[in-house]
Structures are given as C-alpha cells and as structure tokens.
Amino acid sequence: MHRNINKVIFSGIQPTGVVHLGNYLGAIRNWVKMQNSSKENELNIFSLVDMHALSDKYKLDHDINFETSLKHDTLTLAASIIASGIDPNKSILFVQSQVPEHAELTWILSCIAPMNWLNKMTQFKEKKHKGASLALFSYPVLMAADILLYRANEIPVGEDQIQHIELARDYAVRFNSLFCKQGEGFFPLPKAVNTTFPRVMSLKDGTKKMSKSDFQDASRINILDDPELIIDKILKAKTDSISKVKFDDHRPEVNNLLKIYSTLENKSFKETEAIFENSSLLQFKEELAKSVIKNICPIGEKTEELLQDTQSLAKILREGSEKAREIANANLKEIKKLTGMLG
C-alpha cells in the first residue's frame, strides 16, 4: 500500500476542547486545501493526537485532578474536521493512541539524543509549572516520532511549532548518521510548511493567541457557536478609540479582526482596507460577523449532525487508524532492523 507515494504530508491537532476559529483558519482549513490540491502520488495524513493532549491534561498537584473528557473531545474534533472538508476517503484521518508504533518510536528516539536538545525547547519553558509531568517535558520527542514514523516530507504548522519540526529534523539526521550507510538515509528530512494565515489572536487581547484554555469564552469564536452568539462576541471584541478601519502595528486587536475578515473572504489586506475605507468600526464588525456566520456556522451545523451518530464517527477513525498503522508498522519494522533489534 502507498508504495508509489513520493510525498507524505503529516499534521496533527490535539483534542482538548471545542474547535475554535483559530484552529480552523490556522490548521484545518489549510489541511482541506492541501487535500483537495494533492496529486495522485501524494499522501495526506492527519492525526488527532490524543496522547499529546494527555501531557498537560492530568494536573499533577496536591489535589490530583484527572479530567476524563478526552473521548468526547476526540469525537467532537473528528466531527469538526470532517465537517470542515477533510474526506477520510482522500486523506488518512486517525487517532494517535490507536497506533502504538508512535510510542515505540518515541522510546527509540529518546535513546539516541542528549537531554539538552529538549532543554532548549521554548514551549516547555513557557508551560512548565510546579508538578509538571515528564510528558510535558518530553512530548517533543513524541511529536518527532509522529512525523518520522510516516517518513513525512512536509508538515503544515504555525510559526509556534517551527522549533518542533527542526527538532524532528535533528532526530532524523542523528538516526540516519548512526544506522544508515553513508550517503543513504531512512528518514527524509521533514520540512515545515507555514500555514497561509498568521496566528488568530484572542478577541479580548490582541497580543495573546486565541485558545481553548482561555477561561473567557468571549475570547474566541467556537465552531459550535450559534449566529446570535457570534454576533455578540464580535460586537464586544476589544478594539480601540480610533474610528478608522485600517491595518496598524500599534492596533493589534483591529489588525486581528481585519486579518480574520481578509482570510475568510479571500481578500488581500489592501482590498479589505479599501472595502472599509469609509466605514466605522461598528459597521466593520457587523460585516465581519456576517462573514464568520457564513463560513463557520455551516461547519458547526454539520458537526452537530455528525455527533448524532458517534458510532459511525468512531468507525471512521478506526478505519483511518488501520490505514495509518499499516504504514507505521512497516516503517517500524525497518527501523528495528536498522537499530539491531530482533524484530
């Protein structure tokens, strides 16, 4: 299977709550475009990385609190991805934990590089807290394994994930130098492919990324929000006292809203500025709300429809995981052979 494939595109997303506008514009929408423009010899693989979600889901503090929403979150995310346009018949859509080869390769990679590679990772420095788990520190190794397990060539990611792709490249280089003949290499060097949209920022703070974990629901547009709620959130979104609708580096909140509109409507920034040259911020927000409703609400409605039959959703994911595992198992056998394991 897939022997004639000469390019593998891989990306993953954590099932940690309802999909929001940032997830859609920053990742899922881009996946759909890549899927629909793929050639016959290209393979798209998209994963619901539930093992990554565990890295900070279990709060290891004095009053140990275990959240148990992962199954629900995984099914909801799957529904949202399919509703957005990912076709399981065109792309492989699967659940990370249903392919145990990810964990096996993580261990092998953990054995061939020094800890100081992980000490340099900026996301751990930002997220670490008292009682942080080993997984929060070492999950970049799992991310490298996710990519290398499928011998992926291109990884569509946002700017905040570039360092992780660079680490995956480092692991690929280290493995190839240790276990392959000179001039040969088992792993291709994965390349980050930046998404076409910059990070979507919070509706309440233009300097912070839109996030599922933000306690303020009004800070984000969720895929499942109804039109009335979307209008309310956008009209109340933070802006400033300047009436002119124009891009300006000193106006992060206005910039964010303008970028959202431009992306949803496939307009350049200059075209968007020209459209609203004589509009007030209120008039612009009203038009933005219409655009969000037009683009997002049909996805939310389709998501709700798919969630009415979770058994069928789970079946789609199992079938996707079987396809992914066929590739992963074949590659892991070669990896074990190269590293001298009995196999």
Protein backbone atom coordinates (compact mmCIF):
# COMPACT_ATOMS: atom_id res chain seq x y z
CA MET A 1 0.00 0.00 0.00
CA HIS A 2 1.19 3.54 -0.84
CA ARG A 3 4.39 2.24 -2.49
CA ASN A 4 4.21 4.80 -5.28
CA ILE A 5 3.89 7.75 -2.90
CA ASN A 6 6.74 10.25 -3.24
CA LYS A 7 5.47 12.92 -0.83
CA VAL A 8 3.85 12.49 2.56
CA ILE A 9 2.15 15.42 4.28
CA PHE A 10 1.54 14.94 8.01
CA SER A 11 -0.01 17.13 10.67
CA GLY A 12 -1.76 16.66 13.99
CA ILE A 13 -4.10 18.52 16.29
CA GLN A 14 -4.84 17.99 19.97
CA PRO A 15 -8.39 17.08 21.05
CA THR A 16 -8.56 19.44 24.01
CA GLY A 17 -11.98 21.05 23.71
CA VAL A 18 -14.24 22.52 21.06
CA VAL A 19 -12.53 23.65 17.85
CA HIS A 20 -12.34 27.43 17.55
CA LEU A 21 -11.80 29.86 14.70
CA GLY A 22 -8.03 29.87 15.27
CA ASN A 23 -7.84 26.08 14.85
CA TYR A 24 -9.92 26.27 11.71
CA LEU A 25 -8.06 29.12 9.97
CA GLY A 26 -4.62 28.16 11.28
CA ALA A 27 -4.75 24.43 10.57
CA ILE A 28 -7.89 22.64 9.41
CA ARG A 29 -8.76 24.97 6.53
CA ASN A 30 -5.21 24.59 5.27
CA TRP A 31 -5.44 20.80 5.52
CA VAL A 32 -8.54 20.83 3.34
CA LYS A 33 -6.77 22.94 0.70
CA MET A 34 -3.77 20.59 0.70
CA GLN A 35 -6.03 17.55 0.44
CA ASN A 36 -8.02 18.96 -2.45
CA SER A 37 -4.91 20.02 -4.39
CA SER A 38 -2.97 16.79 -3.83
CA LYS A 39 -1.62 14.79 -6.75
CA GLU A 40 -2.01 11.02 -7.10
CA ASN A 41 1.46 10.33 -5.72
CA GLU A 42 0.97 12.45 -2.59
CA LEU A 43 -0.43 11.20 0.72
CA ASN A 44 -2.11 13.36 3.37
CA ILE A 45 -2.12 12.02 6.92
CA PHE A 46 -3.90 13.93 9.69
CA SER A 47 -3.89 12.77 13.30
CA LEU A 48 -5.95 13.51 16.39
CA VAL A 49 -3.00 13.48 18.77
CA ASP A 50 -4.75 12.40 21.96
CA MET A 51 -1.52 11.21 23.61
CA HIS A 52 -0.18 14.75 23.31
CA ALA A 53 -3.37 16.01 24.93
CA LEU A 54 -2.58 13.89 27.98
CA SER A 55 0.72 15.70 28.54
CA ASP A 56 -0.98 18.51 30.46
CA LYS A 57 -4.48 17.11 30.94
CA TYR A 58 -3.72 15.31 34.20
CA LYS A 59 -2.91 18.03 36.71
CA LEU A 60 -0.23 16.65 38.98
CA ASP A 61 -0.72 18.75 42.06
CA HIS A 62 -1.55 18.07 45.69
CA ASP A 63 -5.23 17.55 44.87
CA ILE A 64 -4.61 15.35 41.83
CA ASN A 65 -7.42 16.08 39.37
CA PHE A 66 -7.94 13.76 36.41
CA GLU A 67 -10.04 15.10 33.57
CA THR A 68 -11.95 12.40 31.68
CA SER A 69 -13.29 14.31 28.67
CA LEU A 70 -10.75 13.05 26.13
CA LYS A 71 -13.03 10.54 24.36
CA HIS A 72 -15.76 13.17 23.92
CA ASP A 73 -13.24 15.79 22.80
CA THR A 74 -11.71 13.37 20.27
CA LEU A 75 -15.07 12.57 18.67
CA THR A 76 -16.07 16.25 18.61
CA LEU A 77 -12.79 17.20 16.96
CA ALA A 78 -13.18 14.42 14.39
CA ALA A 79 -16.68 15.63 13.56
CA SER A 80 -15.43 19.21 13.16
CA ILE A 81 -12.56 18.16 10.90
CA ILE A 82 -14.82 16.09 8.65
CA ALA A 83 -17.45 18.84 8.63
CA SER A 84 -14.74 21.28 7.53
CA GLY A 85 -14.00 19.21 4.43
CA ILE A 86 -11.45 16.53 5.30
CA ASP A 87 -12.57 13.42 3.41
CA PRO A 88 -11.49 10.12 5.03
CA ASN A 89 -11.55 8.59 1.53
CA LYS A 90 -8.96 11.09 0.29
CA SER A 91 -6.84 11.58 3.44
CA ILE A 92 -5.92 9.31 6.34
CA LEU A 93 -7.62 10.64 9.48
CA PHE A 94 -6.74 8.68 12.60
CA VAL A 95 -6.35 8.67 16.38
CA GLN A 96 -2.73 8.69 17.59
CA SER A 97 -3.29 6.31 20.53
CA GLN A 98 -4.77 3.68 18.19
CA VAL A 99 -1.36 3.34 16.52
CA PRO A 100 1.01 2.12 19.27
CA GLU A 101 4.02 2.40 16.97
CA HIS A 102 4.08 6.11 17.85
CA ALA A 103 5.03 5.26 21.44
CA GLU A 104 7.58 2.64 20.34
CA LEU A 105 9.42 5.03 18.05
CA THR A 106 9.34 7.71 20.76
CA TRP A 107 11.37 5.42 23.00
CA ILE A 108 13.91 4.65 20.27
CA LEU A 109 14.37 8.35 19.53
CA SER A 110 14.68 9.05 23.27
CA CYS A 111 17.71 6.76 23.31
CA ILE A 112 19.74 8.39 20.54
CA ALA A 113 19.96 12.06 21.53
CA PRO A 114 21.00 14.04 24.64
CA MET A 115 18.55 15.67 27.04
CA ASN A 116 19.90 19.12 26.29
CA TRP A 117 18.03 19.01 22.97
CA LEU A 118 14.82 19.17 24.99
CA ASN A 119 16.16 21.72 27.44
CA LYS A 120 16.24 24.20 24.56
CA MET A 121 12.54 23.87 23.71
CA THR A 122 10.84 27.19 24.40
CA GLN A 123 7.29 25.83 24.76
CA PHE A 124 8.23 23.77 27.81
CA LYS A 125 9.82 26.83 29.38
CA GLU A 126 6.55 28.70 28.81
CA LYS A 127 4.23 25.91 30.02
CA LYS A 128 6.18 24.35 32.86
CA HIS A 129 4.70 24.69 36.32
CA LYS A 130 5.08 23.13 39.75
CA GLY A 131 4.24 19.46 39.40
CA ALA A 132 4.66 19.45 35.60
CA SER A 133 4.80 15.91 34.22
CA LEU A 134 7.69 14.24 32.43
CA ALA A 135 5.39 14.09 29.39
CA LEU A 136 5.18 17.90 29.26
CA PHE A 137 8.97 17.96 29.03
CA SER A 138 9.43 15.08 26.58
CA TYR A 139 6.42 15.43 24.28
CA PRO A 140 8.58 17.00 21.51
CA VAL A 141 10.15 13.53 21.13
CA LEU A 142 6.67 12.07 20.60
CA MET A 143 5.99 14.81 18.07
CA ALA A 144 9.18 13.91 16.22
CA ALA A 145 8.10 10.27 16.25
CA ASP A 146 4.67 11.23 14.87
CA ILE A 147 6.37 12.81 11.86
CA LEU A 148 9.20 10.35 11.27
CA LEU A 149 7.04 7.25 11.68
CA TYR A 150 5.39 8.05 8.33
CA ARG A 151 8.61 9.35 6.78
CA ALA A 152 6.78 12.61 6.22
CA ASN A 153 8.22 15.28 3.93
CA GLU A 154 6.04 18.30 4.63
CA ILE A 155 4.48 19.38 7.92
CA PRO A 156 1.90 22.20 7.80
CA VAL A 157 2.27 24.05 11.10
CA GLY A 158 2.02 27.50 12.61
CA GLU A 159 5.04 29.61 13.50
CA ASP A 160 4.96 28.46 17.13
CA GLN A 161 5.67 24.88 16.04
CA ILE A 162 8.69 25.53 13.82
CA GLN A 163 11.13 24.61 16.59
CA HIS A 164 9.47 21.20 16.92
CA ILE A 165 9.93 20.47 13.22
CA GLU A 166 13.58 21.48 13.50
CA LEU A 167 13.94 19.00 16.36
CA ALA A 168 12.35 16.25 14.23
CA ARG A 169 14.94 17.04 11.54
CA ASP A 170 17.71 16.74 14.14
CA TYR A 171 16.43 13.30 15.16
CA ALA A 172 16.23 12.24 11.50
CA VAL A 173 19.82 13.36 10.88
CA ARG A 174 21.04 11.63 14.05
CA PHE A 175 19.27 8.37 13.21
CA ASN A 176 20.47 8.35 9.60
CA SER A 177 24.07 9.03 10.64
CA LEU A 178 24.03 6.29 13.29
CA PHE A 179 22.26 3.49 11.48
CA CYS A 180 22.41 4.08 7.72
CA LYS A 181 25.24 3.75 5.24
CA GLN A 182 26.98 6.96 4.26
CA GLY A 183 25.03 8.71 1.55
CA GLU A 184 21.86 6.85 2.44
CA GLY A 185 19.16 7.74 4.92
CA PHE A 186 16.00 6.04 6.08
CA PHE A 187 14.25 9.21 7.19
CA PRO A 188 13.73 12.14 4.82
CA LEU A 189 14.31 15.49 6.46
CA PRO A 190 10.85 16.92 7.23
CA LYS A 191 10.16 20.48 6.16
CA ALA A 192 7.80 22.87 7.91
CA VAL A 193 5.15 24.35 5.64
CA ASN A 194 3.78 27.54 7.16
CA THR A 195 0.03 27.93 7.12
CA THR A 196 -1.29 30.75 4.96
CA PHE A 197 -2.83 32.50 7.95
CA PRO A 198 -0.92 34.10 10.83
CA ARG A 199 -1.95 33.19 14.36
CA VAL A 200 -5.52 34.10 15.25
CA MET A 201 -5.47 36.19 18.40
CA SER A 202 -7.89 36.49 21.29
CA LEU A 203 -10.93 38.72 20.80
CA LYS A 204 -10.15 40.21 24.22
CA ASP A 205 -6.39 40.66 23.88
CA GLY A 206 -4.71 41.07 20.51
CA THR A 207 -1.33 40.10 21.96
CA LYS A 208 -2.44 36.62 23.03
CA LYS A 209 -3.25 33.62 20.85
CA MET A 210 -6.89 32.52 20.64
CA SER A 211 -7.02 29.49 22.92
CA LYS A 212 -9.37 26.75 24.09
CA SER A 213 -7.89 27.07 27.56
CA ASP A 214 -8.76 30.76 27.99
CA PHE A 215 -11.33 30.96 30.78
CA GLN A 216 -13.15 33.72 28.86
CA ASP A 217 -15.37 32.05 26.27
CA ALA A 218 -15.87 35.52 24.74
CA SER A 219 -12.18 35.49 23.76
CA ARG A 220 -12.81 33.02 20.93
CA ILE A 221 -15.29 32.01 18.26
CA ASN A 222 -16.11 28.32 18.65
CA ILE A 223 -17.14 26.19 15.68
CA LEU A 224 -20.35 25.30 17.55
CA ASP A 225 -21.35 28.89 18.39
CA ASP A 226 -24.74 29.93 17.01
CA PRO A 227 -25.17 33.12 14.90
CA GLU A 228 -26.51 35.20 17.80
CA LEU A 229 -23.53 34.32 19.99
CA ILE A 230 -21.07 35.05 17.18
CA ILE A 231 -22.60 38.49 16.62
CA ASP A 232 -22.43 39.23 20.34
CA LYS A 233 -18.79 38.15 20.65
CA ILE A 234 -17.61 40.14 17.64
CA LEU A 235 -19.51 43.30 18.52
CA LYS A 236 -17.98 43.12 22.01
CA ALA A 237 -14.49 42.25 20.75
CA LYS A 238 -11.85 44.62 22.05
CA THR A 239 -10.76 47.37 19.63
CA ASP A 240 -9.75 50.97 20.37
CA SER A 241 -11.00 54.56 20.20
CA ILE A 242 -9.68 55.22 16.68
CA SER A 243 -12.59 55.20 14.26
CA LYS A 244 -10.68 54.49 11.04
CA VAL A 245 -10.64 50.84 9.87
CA LYS A 246 -7.01 50.34 8.86
CA PHE A 247 -4.11 47.98 9.48
CA ASP A 248 -1.67 49.38 12.02
CA ASP A 249 1.01 47.55 14.00
CA HIS A 250 0.01 49.60 17.05
CA ARG A 251 -3.59 48.30 16.86
CA PRO A 252 -3.25 44.52 17.46
CA GLU A 253 -6.95 43.89 18.09
CA VAL A 254 -8.10 45.72 14.96
CA ASN A 255 -5.36 44.01 12.95
CA ASN A 256 -6.56 40.63 14.17
CA LEU A 257 -10.16 41.28 13.12
CA LEU A 258 -9.08 42.61 9.73
CA LYS A 259 -6.90 39.54 9.13
CA ILE A 260 -9.79 37.23 10.03
CA TYR A 261 -12.09 39.01 7.56
CA SER A 262 -9.42 39.01 4.82
CA THR A 263 -8.81 35.29 5.20
CA LEU A 264 -12.46 34.28 5.34
CA GLU A 265 -13.27 36.37 2.28
CA ASN A 266 -10.04 35.52 0.40
CA LYS A 267 -9.10 39.20 0.18
CA SER A 268 -5.72 40.86 0.36
CA PHE A 269 -5.16 43.24 3.27
CA LYS A 270 -5.25 46.18 0.86
CA GLU A 271 -8.55 45.02 -0.60
CA THR A 272 -10.05 44.75 2.88
CA GLU A 273 -8.84 48.24 3.80
CA ALA A 274 -10.39 49.61 0.60
CA ILE A 275 -13.74 47.93 1.32
CA PHE A 276 -13.98 49.55 4.77
CA GLU A 277 -12.24 52.83 3.96
CA ASN A 278 -15.35 54.85 4.81
CA SER A 279 -16.82 52.52 7.45
CA SER A 280 -16.88 52.80 11.21
CA LEU A 281 -15.51 50.06 13.44
CA LEU A 282 -19.09 49.09 14.28
CA GLN A 283 -20.02 48.72 10.61
CA PHE A 284 -16.86 46.67 10.02
CA LYS A 285 -17.65 44.39 12.96
CA GLU A 286 -21.17 43.82 11.65
CA GLU A 287 -19.78 42.74 8.27
CA LEU A 288 -17.15 40.58 9.97
CA ALA A 289 -19.88 38.85 11.97
CA LYS A 290 -21.77 38.12 8.74
CA SER A 291 -18.64 36.64 7.19
CA VAL A 292 -17.91 34.44 10.23
CA ILE A 293 -21.51 33.20 10.34
CA LYS A 294 -21.46 32.43 6.60
CA ASN A 295 -18.21 30.46 6.82
CA ILE A 296 -18.36 28.89 10.27
CA CYS A 297 -21.99 28.13 11.09
CA PRO A 298 -22.47 25.53 8.30
CA ILE A 299 -19.45 23.67 9.71
CA GLY A 300 -20.93 23.83 13.22
CA GLU A 301 -24.28 22.53 11.96
CA LYS A 302 -22.59 19.65 10.11
CA THR A 303 -20.51 18.89 13.23
CA GLU A 304 -23.66 18.63 15.35
CA GLU A 305 -25.21 16.37 12.73
CA LEU A 306 -22.20 14.02 12.72
CA LEU A 307 -22.19 13.89 16.51
CA GLN A 308 -25.68 12.40 16.43
CA ASP A 309 -24.03 9.13 15.38
CA THR A 310 -20.85 8.69 17.37
CA GLN A 311 -20.61 5.00 16.47
CA SER A 312 -20.18 5.87 12.80
CA LEU A 313 -17.62 8.53 13.73
CA ALA A 314 -15.66 6.03 15.81
CA LYS A 315 -15.77 3.56 12.89
CA ILE A 316 -14.32 6.19 10.51
CA LEU A 317 -11.48 6.80 12.96
CA ARG A 318 -10.80 3.08 13.47
CA GLU A 319 -10.59 2.58 9.73
CA GLY A 320 -8.24 5.54 9.44
CA SER A 321 -6.10 4.18 12.25
CA GLU A 322 -5.86 0.81 10.50
CA LYS A 323 -4.57 2.54 7.35
CA ALA A 324 -2.09 4.58 9.39
CA ARG A 325 -0.93 1.53 11.32
CA GLU A 326 -0.24 -0.41 8.14
CA ILE A 327 2.28 2.27 7.14
CA ALA A 328 3.61 2.77 10.67
CA ASN A 329 4.15 -0.94 11.29
CA ALA A 330 6.04 -1.46 8.04
CA ASN A 331 8.31 1.51 8.77
CA LEU A 332 8.90 0.50 12.38
CA LYS A 333 10.00 -2.98 11.29
CA GLU A 334 12.66 -1.34 9.11
CA ILE A 335 13.67 0.97 11.97
CA LYS A 336 14.06 -2.00 14.34
CA LYS A 337 16.09 -3.86 11.75
CA LEU A 338 18.40 -0.88 11.26
CA THR A 339 18.89 -0.44 15.02
CA GLY A 340 19.79 -4.10 15.50
CA MET A 341 16.65 -5.31 17.25
CA LEU A 342 15.48 -8.88 16.73
CA GLY A 343 12.15 -7.57 15.48
